[in-house]
């Protein structure tokens, strides 16, 4: 048993490293990652290859040549893919430039343009494929869709089941794209003042990564190597017992 404990302690002191459990680490451990302030009222903008869901409603159905009996546009589908040139094809309007618009701006633009054909048009649009990614120490890693125009990091983590016991709450990494380059921010959830930060709103495609505590390396090492060490201990114990009985 003493040999087992000795071998285990030697392994912990030489073989465990928390670095293999941490993503997006700066090259220099002493490097301070500066936070880039984001607009807290950020709204997703439409991009090429986005999938839009657009409902066109008219208050006066008789004036609407596109209307079915429910008062909605009679198109094969109300989903539209944005072409590479930033346009979509809509009934009556044909090609419409939508790239760079927010959903609010798109609704206003289409409502205005459909007034040429419909007496009282109402447009309800949404982006169906925008999302963020939550990785690391949360209960359920994966993709979190943006159901509205934006999402906060608090909501994204909550929808991922919350932080685990192994989460390092002072090292919440947020990776987002700015002007064609990826920028990393670090949020400290241990400080209440973080809730007043302008860095809480996430963009489409942002990555949220929650680092593990240093103790996770030890925990994983125990789970991985304990069966091997137990087998060694069992073998040594059997050898000692046999030797004791033969004497």
Protein backbone atom coordinates (compact mmCIF):
# COMPACT_ATOMS: atom_id res chain seq x y z
CA UNK A 1 0.00 0.00 0.00
CA UNK A 2 2.85 2.37 0.77
CA UNK A 3 4.37 1.62 -2.62
CA UNK A 4 0.99 2.32 -4.24
CA UNK A 5 0.75 5.71 -2.50
CA UNK A 6 4.35 6.54 -3.38
CA UNK A 7 3.86 5.72 -7.06
CA UNK A 8 0.65 7.74 -7.12
CA UNK A 9 2.28 10.80 -5.55
CA UNK A 10 5.23 10.60 -7.95
CA UNK A 11 2.80 10.48 -10.88
CA UNK A 12 0.89 13.51 -9.64
CA UNK A 13 4.03 15.55 -9.16
CA UNK A 14 5.50 14.76 -12.60
CA UNK A 15 2.71 13.85 -15.00
CA UNK A 16 -0.20 16.20 -14.34
CA UNK A 17 -0.57 19.39 -16.33
CA UNK A 18 -3.65 21.56 -16.47
CA UNK A 19 -2.61 23.08 -19.80
CA UNK A 20 -3.95 20.13 -21.77
CA UNK A 21 -7.42 20.90 -20.43
CA UNK A 22 -7.41 24.59 -21.37
CA UNK A 23 -8.23 25.98 -24.80
CA UNK A 24 -7.35 29.33 -26.39
CA UNK A 25 -4.38 30.00 -24.12
CA UNK A 26 -2.09 32.95 -24.95
CA UNK A 27 1.46 32.04 -25.93
CA UNK A 28 2.84 34.03 -23.02
CA UNK A 29 1.32 33.03 -19.67
CA UNK A 30 2.04 36.52 -18.35
CA UNK A 31 0.19 38.16 -21.23
CA UNK A 32 -2.80 40.19 -20.13
CA UNK A 33 -5.80 39.75 -22.39
CA UNK A 34 -7.52 43.08 -22.81
CA UNK A 35 -11.28 43.15 -23.14
CA UNK A 36 -12.71 44.83 -26.17
CA UNK A 37 -15.92 46.62 -25.28
CA UNK A 38 -18.93 45.59 -27.32
CA UNK A 39 -22.13 47.49 -27.83
CA UNK A 40 -24.51 46.11 -25.23
CA UNK A 41 -27.46 46.75 -27.58
CA UNK A 42 -25.84 44.69 -30.33
CA UNK A 43 -28.20 43.19 -32.93
CA UNK A 44 -27.29 40.48 -35.43
CA UNK A 45 -26.88 41.65 -39.00
CA UNK A 46 -27.85 39.65 -42.05
CA UNK A 47 -25.00 37.95 -43.91
CA UNK A 48 -24.69 35.96 -47.15
CA UNK A 49 -25.90 32.34 -46.77
CA UNK A 50 -28.15 33.31 -43.86
CA UNK A 51 -31.57 31.67 -43.73
CA UNK A 52 -34.41 34.16 -43.30
CA UNK A 53 -37.98 33.38 -42.34
CA UNK A 54 -40.29 36.11 -43.65
CA UNK A 55 -44.06 36.32 -43.16
CA UNK A 56 -45.90 38.97 -45.18
CA UNK A 57 -49.30 39.83 -43.71
CA UNK A 58 -51.87 42.23 -45.14
CA UNK A 59 -54.71 43.73 -43.13
CA UNK A 60 -56.88 43.94 -46.27
CA UNK A 61 -56.84 40.47 -47.83
CA UNK A 62 -58.80 41.45 -50.95
CA UNK A 63 -56.06 43.89 -51.91
CA UNK A 64 -53.35 41.25 -51.62
CA UNK A 65 -52.83 39.12 -54.73
CA UNK A 66 -50.48 36.85 -52.75
CA UNK A 67 -52.88 36.06 -49.91
CA UNK A 68 -54.31 32.70 -49.05
CA UNK A 69 -57.38 32.20 -46.90
CA UNK A 70 -55.36 32.66 -43.68
CA UNK A 71 -54.08 36.06 -44.81
CA UNK A 72 -50.49 34.93 -45.37
CA UNK A 73 -48.41 35.09 -48.53
CA UNK A 74 -49.04 32.10 -50.81
CA UNK A 75 -45.41 31.26 -51.52
CA UNK A 76 -44.02 27.68 -51.54
CA UNK A 77 -42.02 28.51 -48.42
CA UNK A 78 -41.54 31.49 -46.15
CA UNK A 79 -37.82 30.72 -45.82
CA UNK A 80 -35.24 32.48 -48.01
CA UNK A 81 -31.49 31.92 -48.35
CA UNK A 82 -29.39 35.06 -48.77
CA UNK A 83 -27.32 34.85 -51.95
CA UNK A 84 -23.60 35.58 -52.04
CA UNK A 85 -24.33 39.05 -53.37
CA UNK A 86 -26.41 39.78 -50.25
CA UNK A 87 -29.82 39.63 -51.94
CA UNK A 88 -32.98 37.52 -51.72
CA UNK A 89 -35.84 37.05 -54.17
CA UNK A 90 -39.27 38.03 -52.84
CA UNK A 91 -42.75 37.91 -54.43
CA UNK A 92 -43.61 41.16 -56.25
CA UNK A 93 -40.35 42.83 -55.18
CA UNK A 94 -37.98 40.44 -56.97
CA UNK A 95 -34.35 41.03 -55.88
CA UNK A 96 -33.93 42.81 -52.54
CA UNK A 97 -30.59 43.74 -50.94
CA UNK A 98 -30.65 42.58 -47.31
CA UNK A 99 -27.00 42.09 -46.35
CA UNK A 100 -25.92 44.28 -43.44
CA UNK A 101 -29.46 44.96 -42.23
CA UNK A 102 -30.75 44.07 -38.78
CA UNK A 103 -34.10 42.30 -38.52
CA UNK A 104 -35.75 45.54 -37.42
CA UNK A 105 -34.33 47.38 -40.43
CA UNK A 106 -35.42 44.55 -42.76
CA UNK A 107 -38.97 44.62 -41.41
CA UNK A 108 -39.15 48.37 -41.92
CA UNK A 109 -37.68 48.20 -45.43
CA UNK A 110 -40.00 45.43 -46.63
CA UNK A 111 -43.06 46.99 -45.04
CA UNK A 112 -42.30 50.24 -46.86
CA UNK A 113 -41.71 48.54 -50.23
CA UNK A 114 -44.80 46.32 -50.03
CA UNK A 115 -47.01 49.37 -49.54
CA UNK A 116 -46.74 49.80 -53.30
CA UNK A 117 -48.72 46.57 -53.74
CA UNK A 118 -50.60 46.02 -50.48
CA UNK A 119 -52.90 48.37 -48.62
CA UNK A 120 -51.73 47.60 -45.08
CA UNK A 121 -48.71 45.26 -45.16
CA UNK A 122 -47.05 43.89 -42.06
CA UNK A 123 -43.73 42.03 -42.30
CA UNK A 124 -42.35 39.71 -39.66
CA UNK A 125 -38.84 38.41 -40.35
CA UNK A 126 -36.26 36.42 -38.37
CA UNK A 127 -32.81 34.89 -38.90
CA UNK A 128 -32.95 31.12 -38.39
CA UNK A 129 -29.30 30.03 -38.55
CA UNK A 130 -27.47 32.43 -36.18
CA UNK A 131 -25.93 30.76 -33.15
CA UNK A 132 -23.15 30.75 -30.56
CA UNK A 133 -21.02 27.89 -29.26
CA UNK A 134 -20.58 27.06 -25.57
CA UNK A 135 -17.67 24.79 -24.65
CA UNK A 136 -15.83 23.72 -21.53
CA UNK A 137 -17.16 23.42 -18.01
CA UNK A 138 -20.92 23.62 -18.56
CA UNK A 139 -23.46 20.87 -18.00
CA UNK A 140 -24.23 20.58 -21.72
CA UNK A 141 -21.70 21.74 -24.30
CA UNK A 142 -22.96 22.58 -27.75
CA UNK A 143 -24.69 25.07 -30.01
CA UNK A 144 -27.09 27.71 -28.65
CA UNK A 145 -29.31 29.25 -31.36
CA UNK A 146 -30.04 32.97 -31.34
CA UNK A 147 -33.80 33.07 -31.11
CA UNK A 148 -33.85 36.88 -31.06
CA UNK A 149 -31.49 39.51 -32.43
CA UNK A 150 -28.87 38.96 -29.73
CA UNK A 151 -28.04 36.84 -26.70
CA UNK A 152 -26.06 37.51 -23.53
CA UNK A 153 -23.35 35.24 -22.23
CA UNK A 154 -25.44 34.73 -19.08
CA UNK A 155 -28.35 33.38 -21.13
CA UNK A 156 -26.06 31.22 -23.29
CA UNK A 157 -24.50 29.57 -20.22
CA UNK A 158 -27.90 29.16 -18.55
CA UNK A 159 -29.29 27.46 -21.67
CA UNK A 160 -26.26 25.13 -21.55
CA UNK A 161 -27.24 23.91 -18.09
CA UNK A 162 -25.07 26.29 -16.08
CA UNK A 163 -21.48 25.99 -14.88
CA UNK A 164 -20.11 22.75 -13.46
CA UNK A 165 -18.33 22.43 -10.11
CA UNK A 166 -15.03 22.31 -12.00
CA UNK A 167 -15.60 25.65 -13.79
CA UNK A 168 -13.02 28.37 -13.24
CA UNK A 169 -15.40 31.27 -12.87
CA UNK A 170 -12.69 33.90 -13.13
CA UNK A 171 -11.65 32.71 -16.61
CA UNK A 172 -14.68 32.86 -18.91
CA UNK A 173 -13.29 33.20 -22.43
CA UNK A 174 -15.28 34.80 -25.25
CA UNK A 175 -13.90 34.53 -28.80
CA UNK A 176 -15.56 36.60 -31.50
CA UNK A 177 -14.65 37.91 -34.93
CA UNK A 178 -13.81 41.58 -35.36
CA UNK A 179 -12.83 42.96 -38.77
CA UNK A 180 -11.86 39.54 -40.07
CA UNK A 181 -9.76 38.61 -37.01
CA UNK A 182 -10.62 36.67 -33.89
CA UNK A 183 -10.54 38.61 -30.63
CA UNK A 184 -10.57 37.00 -27.20
CA UNK A 185 -12.02 38.56 -24.06
CA UNK A 186 -11.83 37.28 -20.49
CA UNK A 187 -14.70 37.78 -18.06
CA UNK A 188 -14.47 37.20 -14.31
CA UNK A 189 -17.74 35.84 -13.00
CA UNK A 190 -16.40 36.02 -9.46
CA UNK A 191 -16.87 39.80 -9.56
CA UNK A 192 -20.37 41.22 -9.32
CA UNK A 193 -19.23 44.22 -11.36
CA UNK A 194 -19.02 41.94 -14.41
CA UNK A 195 -22.81 42.10 -14.67
CA UNK A 196 -22.46 45.80 -15.49
CA UNK A 197 -19.93 45.13 -18.24
CA UNK A 198 -20.64 45.95 -21.88
CA UNK A 199 -18.96 42.69 -22.89
CA UNK A 200 -21.91 40.46 -22.05
CA UNK A 201 -23.65 40.48 -25.43
CA UNK A 202 -22.56 37.79 -27.89
CA UNK A 203 -22.33 38.03 -31.66
CA UNK A 204 -23.37 35.38 -34.13
CA UNK A 205 -20.63 32.72 -34.25
CA UNK A 206 -19.09 33.69 -30.89
CA UNK A 207 -17.38 30.96 -28.87
CA UNK A 208 -17.80 30.84 -25.10
CA UNK A 209 -15.22 28.67 -23.35
CA UNK A 210 -15.21 28.07 -19.59
CA UNK A 211 -11.82 26.92 -18.33
CA UNK A 212 -11.54 24.13 -15.75
CA UNK A 213 -9.99 24.48 -12.32
CA UNK A 214 -6.44 23.20 -11.85
CA UNK A 215 -7.82 20.32 -9.79
CA UNK A 216 -9.47 18.83 -12.87
CA UNK A 217 -6.11 17.51 -14.07
CA UNK A 218 -5.75 15.61 -10.81
CA UNK A 219 -9.32 14.34 -10.99
CA UNK A 220 -8.92 13.11 -14.56
CA UNK A 221 -5.55 11.54 -13.74
CA UNK A 222 -7.09 9.65 -10.83
CA UNK A 223 -9.94 8.36 -13.01
CA UNK A 224 -7.57 7.36 -15.82
CA UNK A 225 -4.77 5.75 -13.85
CA UNK A 226 -6.42 4.50 -10.67
CA UNK A 227 -7.40 1.11 -12.23
CA UNK A 228 -3.77 0.60 -13.35
CA UNK A 229 -2.38 1.53 -9.95
CA UNK A 230 -4.97 -0.67 -8.24
CA UNK A 231 -3.90 -3.59 -10.45
CA UNK A 232 -0.25 -2.98 -9.57
CA UNK A 233 -1.10 -2.74 -5.89
CA UNK A 234 -3.15 -5.94 -6.08
CA UNK A 235 -0.31 -7.78 -7.80
CA UNK A 236 2.25 -6.57 -5.26
CA UNK A 237 -0.06 -7.48 -2.38
CA UNK A 238 -0.50 -11.00 -3.77
CA UNK A 239 3.27 -11.34 -4.16
CA UNK A 240 3.82 -10.19 -0.57
CA UNK A 241 1.17 -12.60 0.73
CA UNK A 242 2.67 -15.55 -1.17
CA UNK A 243 6.12 -14.70 0.12
CA UNK A 244 4.79 -14.39 3.66
CA UNK A 245 3.03 -17.80 3.47
CA UNK A 246 6.07 -19.57 2.03
CA UNK A 247 8.17 -18.28 4.89
